Amino acid sequence: MSTNNVVTIEHLLTLIGQQVVFQQQQCEIIELLDGREFVLQVLKDDTSIQATQYGEGHRDVPVTYVLPIFDGEGDLHAELVAAGLDRLLTQ
């Protein structure tokens, strides 16, 4: 299903703030990168240690995932479909 020509940047931006399940974790879409990728943030108390430029860990930050929207063919990426975002894009 080629949806690259149907989905607009404005439509993608409206999905920011939506909650989805990705890799069995409740996440929220927090950002759209270049109209090609969503940034998902895990909503639970899971954190990871953020390293400095020297590799030293100094603070806990929420776990995030970068999820591509389209594959190389212009179709919805399989990871996006697995997260259920395809239903949000086709509404």
Protein backbone atom coordinates (compact mmCIF):
# COMPACT_ATOMS: atom_id res chain seq x y z
CA MET A 1 0.00 0.00 0.00
CA SER A 2 1.81 3.11 -1.18
CA THR A 3 0.73 5.97 1.03
CA ASN A 4 3.71 8.28 0.67
CA ASN A 5 1.82 10.46 -1.82
CA VAL A 6 -1.34 10.49 0.33
CA VAL A 7 0.11 11.34 3.77
CA THR A 8 1.02 15.00 4.26
CA ILE A 9 3.43 16.58 6.72
CA GLU A 10 0.47 18.31 8.36
CA HIS A 11 -1.22 14.94 8.90
CA LEU A 12 1.98 13.51 10.40
CA LEU A 13 2.30 16.51 12.72
CA THR A 14 -1.21 15.93 14.08
CA LEU A 15 -0.04 12.55 15.40
CA ILE A 16 2.39 14.13 17.85
CA GLY A 17 1.08 13.40 21.33
CA GLN A 18 -0.70 10.17 20.30
CA GLN A 19 0.00 7.10 22.40
CA VAL A 20 0.91 3.77 20.79
CA VAL A 21 2.29 0.42 21.85
CA PHE A 22 5.75 -0.27 20.42
CA GLN A 23 7.80 -3.33 21.40
CA GLN A 24 5.24 -4.07 24.11
CA GLN A 25 5.77 -0.69 25.78
CA GLN A 26 3.32 2.20 26.01
CA CYS A 27 4.89 5.10 24.11
CA GLU A 28 4.00 8.63 23.05
CA ILE A 29 4.93 10.23 19.73
CA ILE A 30 7.00 13.24 20.77
CA GLU A 31 8.58 14.45 17.54
CA LEU A 32 8.62 14.20 13.75
CA LEU A 33 12.11 14.23 12.19
CA ASP A 34 12.33 15.63 8.64
CA GLY A 35 8.91 14.21 7.82
CA ARG A 36 10.46 10.73 7.66
CA GLU A 37 10.72 9.42 11.21
CA PHE A 38 8.75 9.55 14.44
CA VAL A 39 10.44 9.75 17.82
CA LEU A 40 8.62 7.67 20.43
CA GLN A 41 9.17 8.07 24.17
CA VAL A 42 8.40 5.26 26.60
CA LEU A 43 5.84 6.44 29.15
CA LYS A 44 6.75 4.09 31.98
CA ASP A 45 9.53 4.66 34.48
CA ASP A 46 12.09 3.02 32.19
CA THR A 47 15.16 5.19 31.81
CA SER A 48 18.56 4.88 30.30
CA ILE A 49 21.73 6.68 31.26
CA GLN A 50 22.68 9.42 28.83
CA ALA A 51 26.39 9.53 28.11
CA THR A 52 28.42 12.67 27.54
CA GLN A 53 30.59 13.11 24.47
CA TYR A 54 33.31 11.29 26.42
CA GLY A 55 31.13 8.25 27.13
CA GLU A 56 30.55 9.04 30.79
CA GLY A 57 27.03 8.52 32.10
CA HIS A 58 25.61 11.43 34.09
CA ARG A 59 21.83 11.42 34.06
CA ASP A 60 18.81 9.25 33.51
CA VAL A 61 16.67 10.04 30.49
CA PRO A 62 13.46 8.38 29.22
CA VAL A 63 13.92 5.60 26.68
CA THR A 64 13.20 6.75 23.12
CA TYR A 65 12.88 5.01 19.77
CA VAL A 66 13.23 6.46 16.28
CA LEU A 67 10.68 4.84 14.01
CA PRO A 68 10.86 5.25 10.20
CA ILE A 69 7.57 6.12 8.54
CA PHE A 70 8.25 4.86 5.00
CA ASP A 71 10.43 2.11 3.59
CA GLY A 72 12.58 2.44 0.47
CA GLU A 73 9.60 1.71 -1.77
CA GLY A 74 7.44 4.51 -0.36
CA ASP A 75 5.20 2.11 1.55
CA LEU A 76 4.57 2.28 5.27
CA HIS A 77 7.51 0.80 7.16
CA ALA A 78 6.91 -2.62 8.78
CA GLU A 79 7.86 -1.29 12.25
CA LEU A 80 5.31 1.49 11.92
CA VAL A 81 2.61 -1.03 10.98
CA ALA A 82 3.62 -3.25 13.92
CA ALA A 83 3.15 -0.29 16.27
CA GLY A 84 -0.36 0.27 14.90
CA LEU A 85 0.43 3.70 13.51
CA ASP A 86 -0.86 2.69 10.10
CA ARG A 87 -4.39 2.91 11.50
CA LEU A 88 -3.74 6.47 12.68
CA LEU A 89 -2.32 7.49 9.30
CA THR A 90 -5.24 6.14 7.32
CA GLN A 91 -7.91 7.89 9.41
